[in-house]
Amino acid sequence: MTTRTSIIDRPRPTRPGWRRWHLVGLTALTAWSTGIGWQAQAVSYPLYRAVPAADFLAYHAAYNAAIPTVVIVPGFASFLACAAFPWTRPPDVPRGLAAVVAAGGLGALVSTLAWAIPRHDRLDRIGRDAATIDSLLQANLVRSLVLSAATVALVVATAHSSRSPTSGAIR
């Protein structure tokens, strides 16, 4: 007895859809933002203490003018895209990983809006202040840690999705 294979029964070629490309792009973007966070933690913010008090306001204004395209835009894009990841994830990425990514995005967003930006605003108003710089470093540490967790989860999700027979690997 022969069976006819209908179009519905034929296996579809596996190729990555937009969700897979989104995952790969978000992984790269979040890794970038994580690296920037750790660079600020180890280099940029500690060096605020080395700037003479008389020069600090001008230095901080120059720093703020230099960071939008390198730090701010990719950072906020990463925070928001991570927060939305449970709704944009490829179907083969476990929900638990998506939740870690979302928590990282939300944690980074909240620590930036509620803690880091007010510290920068304070430095813009009063100049160099050790306690404010310490608080900025604490806010940035929280942001860098949650972004690190999101990046690890995204790398695991990308590896998981690459091995999944339903996702198709990016070649």
N, C-alpha and C. Protein backbone atom coordinates (compact mmCIF):
# COMPACT_ATOMS: atom_id res chain seq x y z
N MET A 1 0.83 -1.16 0.00
CA MET A 1 0.00 0.00 0.00
C MET A 1 0.89 1.25 0.00
N THR A 2 0.59 2.15 -0.86
CA THR A 2 1.37 3.39 -0.94
C THR A 2 0.62 4.52 -0.27
N THR A 3 1.39 5.38 0.26
CA THR A 3 0.78 6.55 0.91
C THR A 3 1.23 7.80 0.16
N ARG A 4 0.31 8.67 0.00
CA ARG A 4 0.65 9.93 -0.64
C ARG A 4 1.06 10.93 0.45
N THR A 5 2.11 11.60 0.18
CA THR A 5 2.56 12.63 1.12
C THR A 5 1.96 13.95 0.68
N SER A 6 1.23 14.53 1.55
CA SER A 6 0.64 15.83 1.22
C SER A 6 1.64 16.93 1.54
N ILE A 7 1.33 18.08 1.05
CA ILE A 7 2.19 19.24 1.32
C ILE A 7 2.29 19.50 2.82
N ILE A 8 1.22 19.25 3.53
CA ILE A 8 1.21 19.49 4.97
C ILE A 8 2.15 18.54 5.69
N ASP A 9 2.27 17.31 5.20
CA ASP A 9 3.10 16.31 5.86
C ASP A 9 4.58 16.47 5.58
N ARG A 10 4.93 17.18 4.54
CA ARG A 10 6.34 17.32 4.19
C ARG A 10 7.05 18.17 5.24
N PRO A 11 8.25 17.75 5.59
CA PRO A 11 9.00 18.58 6.54
C PRO A 11 9.36 19.92 5.89
N ARG A 12 9.20 20.96 6.65
CA ARG A 12 9.56 22.28 6.15
C ARG A 12 11.06 22.48 6.32
N PRO A 13 11.66 23.18 5.39
CA PRO A 13 13.08 23.47 5.58
C PRO A 13 13.25 24.34 6.82
N THR A 14 14.27 24.02 7.58
CA THR A 14 14.49 24.82 8.78
C THR A 14 15.36 26.00 8.43
N ARG A 15 14.89 27.15 8.75
CA ARG A 15 15.66 28.38 8.56
C ARG A 15 15.30 29.33 9.68
N PRO A 16 16.25 30.08 10.08
CA PRO A 16 15.97 30.97 11.20
C PRO A 16 14.99 32.07 10.79
N GLY A 17 14.05 32.32 11.65
CA GLY A 17 13.12 33.41 11.44
C GLY A 17 13.61 34.66 12.16
N TRP A 18 12.78 35.67 12.20
CA TRP A 18 13.18 36.93 12.82
C TRP A 18 13.50 36.76 14.30
N ARG A 19 12.82 35.83 14.96
CA ARG A 19 13.07 35.66 16.40
C ARG A 19 14.48 35.15 16.66
N ARG A 20 14.96 34.30 15.79
CA ARG A 20 16.33 33.79 15.93
C ARG A 20 17.33 34.91 15.70
N TRP A 21 17.11 35.69 14.65
CA TRP A 21 18.01 36.81 14.37
C TRP A 21 17.96 37.83 15.52
N HIS A 22 16.77 38.03 16.04
CA HIS A 22 16.60 38.94 17.19
C HIS A 22 17.41 38.43 18.38
N LEU A 23 17.36 37.14 18.64
CA LEU A 23 18.12 36.53 19.74
C LEU A 23 19.61 36.78 19.56
N VAL A 24 20.11 36.53 18.37
CA VAL A 24 21.54 36.71 18.11
C VAL A 24 21.93 38.18 18.27
N GLY A 25 21.13 39.07 17.70
CA GLY A 25 21.42 40.50 17.82
C GLY A 25 21.34 41.00 19.25
N LEU A 26 20.32 40.52 19.98
CA LEU A 26 20.17 40.93 21.38
C LEU A 26 21.32 40.41 22.22
N THR A 27 21.79 39.21 21.92
CA THR A 27 22.94 38.66 22.64
C THR A 27 24.16 39.56 22.44
N ALA A 28 24.42 39.95 21.20
CA ALA A 28 25.57 40.82 20.91
C ALA A 28 25.40 42.19 21.58
N LEU A 29 24.21 42.77 21.46
CA LEU A 29 23.96 44.09 22.04
C LEU A 29 24.09 44.07 23.56
N THR A 30 23.57 43.04 24.19
CA THR A 30 23.63 42.96 25.65
C THR A 30 25.05 42.67 26.12
N ALA A 31 25.79 41.87 25.36
CA ALA A 31 27.20 41.65 25.69
C ALA A 31 27.98 42.97 25.59
N TRP A 32 27.68 43.76 24.57
CA TRP A 32 28.31 45.08 24.42
C TRP A 32 28.01 45.95 25.65
N SER A 33 26.75 46.05 26.01
CA SER A 33 26.36 46.89 27.15
C SER A 33 26.97 46.38 28.45
N THR A 34 27.07 45.07 28.59
CA THR A 34 27.70 44.49 29.77
C THR A 34 29.18 44.88 29.83
N GLY A 35 29.86 44.77 28.70
CA GLY A 35 31.27 45.16 28.65
C GLY A 35 31.48 46.63 28.98
N ILE A 36 30.60 47.47 28.45
CA ILE A 36 30.67 48.91 28.75
C ILE A 36 30.46 49.14 30.26
N GLY A 37 29.53 48.40 30.85
CA GLY A 37 29.28 48.53 32.28
C GLY A 37 30.49 48.17 33.12
N TRP A 38 31.14 47.06 32.75
CA TRP A 38 32.32 46.65 33.52
C TRP A 38 33.49 47.60 33.28
N GLN A 39 33.60 48.15 32.08
CA GLN A 39 34.64 49.14 31.81
C GLN A 39 34.42 50.38 32.68
N ALA A 40 33.18 50.83 32.78
CA ALA A 40 32.88 51.98 33.63
C ALA A 40 33.20 51.67 35.09
N GLN A 41 32.89 50.45 35.51
CA GLN A 41 33.13 50.05 36.90
C GLN A 41 34.61 50.02 37.23
N ALA A 42 35.42 49.54 36.29
CA ALA A 42 36.85 49.37 36.55
C ALA A 42 37.68 50.60 36.20
N VAL A 43 37.21 51.41 35.24
CA VAL A 43 38.05 52.50 34.74
C VAL A 43 37.38 53.87 34.85
N SER A 44 36.29 54.07 34.13
CA SER A 44 35.72 55.43 33.99
C SER A 44 35.31 56.05 35.32
N TYR A 45 34.47 55.36 36.08
CA TYR A 45 33.96 55.95 37.32
C TYR A 45 35.03 56.09 38.39
N PRO A 46 35.93 55.11 38.58
CA PRO A 46 37.00 55.34 39.56
C PRO A 46 37.90 56.53 39.19
N LEU A 47 38.06 56.78 37.89
CA LEU A 47 38.90 57.91 37.48
C LEU A 47 38.25 59.26 37.77
N TYR A 48 36.96 59.27 38.05
CA TYR A 48 36.32 60.53 38.46
C TYR A 48 37.06 61.12 39.66
N ARG A 49 37.57 60.25 40.53
CA ARG A 49 38.26 60.72 41.74
C ARG A 49 39.59 61.40 41.42
N ALA A 50 40.16 61.07 40.26
CA ALA A 50 41.46 61.63 39.89
C ALA A 50 41.35 63.00 39.22
N VAL A 51 40.15 63.38 38.83
CA VAL A 51 39.95 64.69 38.19
C VAL A 51 39.95 65.76 39.28
N PRO A 52 40.76 66.80 39.12
CA PRO A 52 40.75 67.87 40.13
C PRO A 52 39.35 68.46 40.29
N ALA A 53 39.00 68.79 41.51
CA ALA A 53 37.66 69.31 41.80
C ALA A 53 37.32 70.52 40.94
N ALA A 54 38.29 71.39 40.69
CA ALA A 54 38.04 72.59 39.90
C ALA A 54 37.72 72.27 38.44
N ASP A 55 38.16 71.11 37.97
CA ASP A 55 37.95 70.72 36.56
C ASP A 55 36.81 69.72 36.38
N PHE A 56 36.24 69.27 37.49
CA PHE A 56 35.31 68.14 37.40
C PHE A 56 34.05 68.45 36.60
N LEU A 57 33.43 69.59 36.82
CA LEU A 57 32.18 69.89 36.11
C LEU A 57 32.39 69.88 34.59
N ALA A 58 33.49 70.46 34.12
CA ALA A 58 33.79 70.46 32.68
C ALA A 58 34.08 69.04 32.20
N TYR A 59 34.83 68.28 33.02
CA TYR A 59 35.15 66.90 32.65
C TYR A 59 33.87 66.07 32.54
N HIS A 60 33.01 66.18 33.53
CA HIS A 60 31.78 65.38 33.54
C HIS A 60 30.87 65.78 32.39
N ALA A 61 30.81 67.06 32.06
CA ALA A 61 30.01 67.50 30.91
C ALA A 61 30.57 66.92 29.61
N ALA A 62 31.89 66.89 29.48
CA ALA A 62 32.51 66.30 28.28
C ALA A 62 32.26 64.79 28.23
N TYR A 63 32.34 64.14 29.37
CA TYR A 63 32.04 62.70 29.44
C TYR A 63 30.60 62.45 29.00
N ASN A 64 29.67 63.22 29.54
CA ASN A 64 28.25 63.06 29.19
C ASN A 64 28.01 63.30 27.70
N ALA A 65 28.72 64.24 27.11
CA ALA A 65 28.55 64.53 25.69
C ALA A 65 29.12 63.41 24.82
N ALA A 66 30.10 62.68 25.34
CA ALA A 66 30.77 61.65 24.54
C ALA A 66 30.06 60.30 24.54
N ILE A 67 29.15 60.05 25.49
CA ILE A 67 28.63 58.69 25.66
C ILE A 67 27.30 58.34 24.98
N PRO A 68 26.53 59.26 24.45
CA PRO A 68 25.21 58.85 23.94
C PRO A 68 25.23 57.70 22.93
N THR A 69 26.02 57.79 21.88
CA THR A 69 25.96 56.74 20.85
C THR A 69 26.68 55.46 21.26
N VAL A 70 27.61 55.55 22.17
CA VAL A 70 28.38 54.37 22.57
C VAL A 70 27.79 53.67 23.78
N VAL A 71 27.19 54.44 24.68
CA VAL A 71 26.72 53.89 25.96
C VAL A 71 25.20 53.97 26.10
N ILE A 72 24.65 55.16 25.96
CA ILE A 72 23.25 55.38 26.32
C ILE A 72 22.29 54.69 25.35
N VAL A 73 22.43 54.94 24.06
CA VAL A 73 21.49 54.35 23.09
C VAL A 73 21.55 52.82 23.10
N PRO A 74 22.76 52.22 22.98
CA PRO A 74 22.77 50.75 23.02
C PRO A 74 22.33 50.20 24.38
N GLY A 75 22.64 50.92 25.45
CA GLY A 75 22.24 50.46 26.78
C GLY A 75 20.73 50.38 26.92
N PHE A 76 20.06 51.48 26.62
CA PHE A 76 18.60 51.47 26.77
C PHE A 76 17.93 50.52 25.77
N ALA A 77 18.48 50.41 24.57
CA ALA A 77 17.94 49.43 23.61
C ALA A 77 18.06 48.02 24.18
N SER A 78 19.19 47.73 24.79
CA SER A 78 19.40 46.42 25.41
C SER A 78 18.46 46.20 26.59
N PHE A 79 18.35 47.19 27.48
CA PHE A 79 17.48 47.04 28.65
C PHE A 79 16.05 46.72 28.22
N LEU A 80 15.53 47.50 27.27
CA LEU A 80 14.14 47.35 26.85
C LEU A 80 13.92 46.06 26.07
N ALA A 81 14.86 45.72 25.18
CA ALA A 81 14.71 44.48 24.41
C ALA A 81 14.83 43.26 25.31
N CYS A 82 15.69 43.32 26.32
CA CYS A 82 15.77 42.21 27.28
C CYS A 82 14.45 42.09 28.06
N ALA A 83 13.91 43.22 28.49
CA ALA A 83 12.65 43.19 29.24
C ALA A 83 11.53 42.57 28.41
N ALA A 84 11.56 42.77 27.09
CA ALA A 84 10.53 42.24 26.19
C ALA A 84 10.83 40.82 25.70
N PHE A 85 11.97 40.28 26.05
CA PHE A 85 12.40 38.98 25.50
C PHE A 85 11.42 37.83 25.72
N PRO A 86 10.71 37.76 26.84
CA PRO A 86 9.74 36.66 26.96
C PRO A 86 8.71 36.64 25.82
N TRP A 87 8.45 37.78 25.21
CA TRP A 87 7.47 37.84 24.12
C TRP A 87 8.12 37.75 22.74
N THR A 88 9.45 37.92 22.67
CA THR A 88 10.13 37.89 21.37
C THR A 88 11.05 36.68 21.22
N ARG A 89 11.15 35.86 22.24
CA ARG A 89 12.08 34.73 22.21
C ARG A 89 11.66 33.72 21.14
N PRO A 90 12.64 33.01 20.58
CA PRO A 90 12.28 31.89 19.71
C PRO A 90 11.54 30.83 20.55
N PRO A 91 10.63 30.09 19.95
CA PRO A 91 9.83 29.14 20.72
C PRO A 91 10.64 28.03 21.39
N ASP A 92 11.84 27.75 20.88
CA ASP A 92 12.65 26.69 21.48
C ASP A 92 13.52 27.19 22.64
N VAL A 93 13.46 28.46 22.96
CA VAL A 93 14.21 28.98 24.11
C VAL A 93 13.33 28.83 25.34
N PRO A 94 13.83 28.14 26.36
CA PRO A 94 13.02 27.92 27.57
C PRO A 94 12.57 29.22 28.23
N ARG A 95 11.38 29.18 28.76
CA ARG A 95 10.81 30.37 29.42
C ARG A 95 11.66 30.84 30.60
N GLY A 96 12.28 29.89 31.30
CA GLY A 96 13.13 30.26 32.43
C GLY A 96 14.30 31.13 32.00
N LEU A 97 14.93 30.79 30.88
CA LEU A 97 16.02 31.62 30.37
C LEU A 97 15.49 33.00 29.98
N ALA A 98 14.33 33.02 29.34
CA ALA A 98 13.73 34.30 28.95
C ALA A 98 13.44 35.15 30.18
N ALA A 99 13.03 34.53 31.27
CA ALA A 99 12.75 35.27 32.50
C ALA A 99 14.02 35.88 33.08
N VAL A 100 15.13 35.15 33.02
CA VAL A 100 16.41 35.69 33.50
C VAL A 100 16.81 36.90 32.66
N VAL A 101 16.64 36.78 31.35
CA VAL A 101 16.97 37.89 30.45
C VAL A 101 16.10 39.11 30.78
N ALA A 102 14.80 38.88 30.94
CA ALA A 102 13.88 39.98 31.24
C ALA A 102 14.22 40.63 32.58
N ALA A 103 14.52 39.81 33.58
CA ALA A 103 14.89 40.36 34.89
C ALA A 103 16.15 41.20 34.79
N GLY A 104 17.11 40.75 33.98
CA GLY A 104 18.32 41.53 33.78
C GLY A 104 18.03 42.87 33.13
N GLY A 105 17.18 42.86 32.11
CA GLY A 105 16.81 44.11 31.45
C GLY A 105 16.09 45.06 32.38
N LEU A 106 15.13 44.53 33.13
CA LEU A 106 14.38 45.38 34.07
C LEU A 106 15.27 45.89 35.19
N GLY A 107 16.14 45.01 35.71
CA GLY A 107 17.06 45.43 36.77
C GLY A 107 18.01 46.52 36.29
N ALA A 108 18.51 46.38 35.08
CA ALA A 108 19.41 47.40 34.53
C ALA A 108 18.66 48.71 34.30
N LEU A 109 17.44 48.61 33.81
CA LEU A 109 16.64 49.81 33.56
C LEU A 109 16.34 50.56 34.87
N VAL A 110 15.91 49.82 35.88
CA VAL A 110 15.56 50.45 37.16
C VAL A 110 16.81 51.03 37.84
N SER A 111 17.90 50.27 37.85
CA SER A 111 19.11 50.79 38.52
C SER A 111 19.66 52.02 37.79
N THR A 112 19.44 52.08 36.49
CA THR A 112 19.89 53.25 35.73
C THR A 112 19.00 54.46 35.99
N LEU A 113 17.69 54.26 35.84
CA LEU A 113 16.75 55.39 35.98
C LEU A 113 16.64 55.89 37.41
N ALA A 114 16.58 54.97 38.36
CA ALA A 114 16.31 55.36 39.74
C ALA A 114 17.58 55.65 40.55
N TRP A 115 18.74 55.21 40.05
CA TRP A 115 19.93 55.32 40.88
C TRP A 115 21.08 55.99 40.13
N ALA A 116 21.50 55.45 39.00
CA ALA A 116 22.69 55.98 38.32
C ALA A 116 22.45 57.38 37.74
N ILE A 117 21.34 57.57 37.04
CA ILE A 117 21.08 58.89 36.44
C ILE A 117 20.98 59.98 37.52
N PRO A 118 20.25 59.74 38.62
CA PRO A 118 20.25 60.76 39.67
C PRO A 118 21.64 61.06 40.25
N ARG A 119 22.52 60.04 40.29
CA ARG A 119 23.88 60.29 40.78
C ARG A 119 24.64 61.17 39.77
N HIS A 120 24.48 60.89 38.48
CA HIS A 120 25.12 61.74 37.46
C HIS A 120 24.58 63.16 37.54
N ASP A 121 23.27 63.29 37.71
CA ASP A 121 22.67 64.62 37.83
C ASP A 121 23.24 65.37 39.03
N ARG A 122 23.43 64.65 40.12
CA ARG A 122 24.00 65.27 41.33
C ARG A 122 25.44 65.73 41.06
N LEU A 123 26.22 64.90 40.38
CA LEU A 123 27.59 65.29 40.04
C LEU A 123 27.58 66.52 39.12
N ASP A 124 26.60 66.61 38.23
CA ASP A 124 26.48 67.80 37.36
C ASP A 124 26.17 69.06 38.18
N ARG A 125 25.44 68.90 39.28
CA ARG A 125 25.06 70.05 40.11
C ARG A 125 26.15 70.47 41.08
N ILE A 126 26.73 69.48 41.78
CA ILE A 126 27.63 69.83 42.89
C ILE A 126 29.10 69.61 42.58
N GLY A 127 29.41 68.93 41.49
CA GLY A 127 30.80 68.63 41.18
C GLY A 127 31.25 67.33 41.83
N ARG A 128 32.55 67.16 41.86
CA ARG A 128 33.11 65.91 42.39
C ARG A 128 32.75 65.76 43.86
N ASP A 129 32.23 64.58 44.19
CA ASP A 129 31.82 64.27 45.56
C ASP A 129 32.03 62.78 45.78
N ALA A 130 32.87 62.45 46.75
CA ALA A 130 33.25 61.05 46.97
C ALA A 130 32.04 60.15 47.24
N ALA A 131 31.12 60.60 48.07
CA ALA A 131 29.95 59.78 48.40
C ALA A 131 29.07 59.54 47.17
N THR A 132 28.94 60.55 46.33
CA THR A 132 28.12 60.39 45.12
C THR A 132 28.80 59.45 44.13
N ILE A 133 30.11 59.56 44.02
CA ILE A 133 30.85 58.64 43.14
C ILE A 133 30.74 57.22 43.67
N ASP A 134 30.85 57.03 44.98
CA ASP A 134 30.67 55.69 45.57
C ASP A 134 29.28 55.14 45.26
N SER A 135 28.27 55.97 45.39
CA SER A 135 26.90 55.54 45.10
C SER A 135 26.73 55.21 43.62
N LEU A 136 27.35 56.00 42.75
CA LEU A 136 27.31 55.72 41.31
C LEU A 136 27.98 54.38 41.02
N LEU A 137 29.09 54.11 41.67
CA LEU A 137 29.75 52.81 41.50
C LEU A 137 28.87 51.66 41.97
N GLN A 138 28.15 51.85 43.06
CA GLN A 138 27.23 50.81 43.54
C GLN A 138 26.10 50.58 42.55
N ALA A 139 25.53 51.66 42.03
CA ALA A 139 24.46 51.53 41.04
C ALA A 139 24.96 50.82 39.79
N ASN A 140 26.16 51.19 39.36
CA ASN A 140 26.72 50.57 38.17
C ASN A 140 27.06 49.10 38.41
N LEU A 141 27.49 48.76 39.63
CA LEU A 141 27.77 47.36 39.94
C LEU A 141 26.50 46.53 39.82
N VAL A 142 25.41 47.02 40.37
CA VAL A 142 24.12 46.31 40.23
C VAL A 142 23.78 46.14 38.76
N ARG A 143 23.86 47.23 38.01
CA ARG A 143 23.54 47.18 36.58
C ARG A 143 24.44 46.19 35.84
N SER A 144 25.73 46.22 36.12
CA SER A 144 26.67 45.32 35.44
C SER A 144 26.42 43.86 35.81
N LEU A 145 26.09 43.60 37.06
CA LEU A 145 25.81 42.22 37.48
C LEU A 145 24.55 41.67 36.82
N VAL A 146 23.47 42.47 36.79
CA VAL A 146 22.24 41.95 36.19
C VAL A 146 22.39 41.83 34.67
N LEU A 147 23.14 42.74 34.06
CA LEU A 147 23.41 42.60 32.62
C LEU A 147 24.28 41.38 32.34
N SER A 148 25.21 41.09 33.24
CA SER A 148 26.04 39.89 33.08
C SER A 148 25.18 38.63 33.12
N ALA A 149 24.24 38.58 34.06
CA ALA A 149 23.33 37.43 34.14
C ALA A 149 22.50 37.33 32.86
N ALA A 150 22.01 38.46 32.36
CA ALA A 150 21.22 38.44 31.12
C ALA A 150 22.07 37.98 29.94
N THR A 151 23.32 38.42 29.89
CA THR A 151 24.21 38.02 28.79
C THR A 151 24.47 36.52 28.83
N VAL A 152 24.76 35.99 30.01
CA VAL A 152 24.99 34.54 30.13
C VAL A 152 23.73 33.79 29.69
N ALA A 153 22.57 34.22 30.15
CA ALA A 153 21.32 33.56 29.75
C ALA A 153 21.11 33.65 28.25
N LEU A 154 21.44 34.78 27.64
CA LEU A 154 21.28 34.92 26.19
C LEU A 154 22.26 34.03 25.42
N VAL A 155 23.49 33.91 25.92
CA VAL A 155 24.46 33.01 25.27
C VAL A 155 23.96 31.57 25.36
N VAL A 156 23.47 31.17 26.53
CA VAL A 156 22.91 29.82 26.68
C VAL A 156 21.70 29.65 25.76
N ALA A 157 20.84 30.65 25.70
CA ALA A 157 19.65 30.57 24.83
C ALA A 157 20.06 30.46 23.37
N THR A 158 21.08 31.20 22.96
CA THR A 158 21.56 31.13 21.58
C THR A 158 22.12 29.75 21.28
N ALA A 159 22.91 29.21 22.20
CA ALA A 159 23.45 27.86 22.00
C ALA A 159 22.33 26.84 21.97
N HIS A 160 21.36 26.97 22.85
CA HIS A 160 20.22 26.05 22.89
C HIS A 160 19.44 26.12 21.58
N SER A 161 19.19 27.33 21.12
CA SER A 161 18.42 27.53 19.90
C SER A 161 19.18 27.03 18.68
N SER A 162 20.51 27.14 18.70
CA SER A 162 21.32 26.65 17.58
C SER A 162 21.25 25.14 17.44
N ARG A 163 21.08 24.44 18.56
CA ARG A 163 21.03 22.98 18.54
C ARG A 163 19.64 22.44 18.30
N SER A 164 18.65 23.29 18.45
CA SER A 164 17.26 22.83 18.34
C SER A 164 16.94 22.45 16.90
N PRO A 165 16.34 21.27 16.70
CA PRO A 165 16.01 20.85 15.34
C PRO A 165 14.92 21.71 14.71
N THR A 166 14.17 22.45 15.50
CA THR A 166 13.09 23.25 14.93
C THR A 166 13.53 24.66 14.57
N SER A 167 14.68 25.08 15.07
CA SER A 167 15.05 26.48 14.83
C SER A 167 15.86 26.67 13.57
N GLY A 168 16.64 25.68 13.22
CA GLY A 168 17.56 25.85 12.11
C GLY A 168 18.74 26.68 12.58
N ALA A 169 19.92 26.23 12.28
CA ALA A 169 21.10 26.96 12.71
C ALA A 169 21.42 28.06 11.71
N ILE A 170 21.94 29.13 12.21
CA ILE A 170 22.42 30.18 11.32
C ILE A 170 23.73 29.70 10.75
N ARG A 171 23.79 29.69 9.47
CA ARG A 171 25.01 29.20 8.82
C ARG A 171 25.77 30.33 8.21
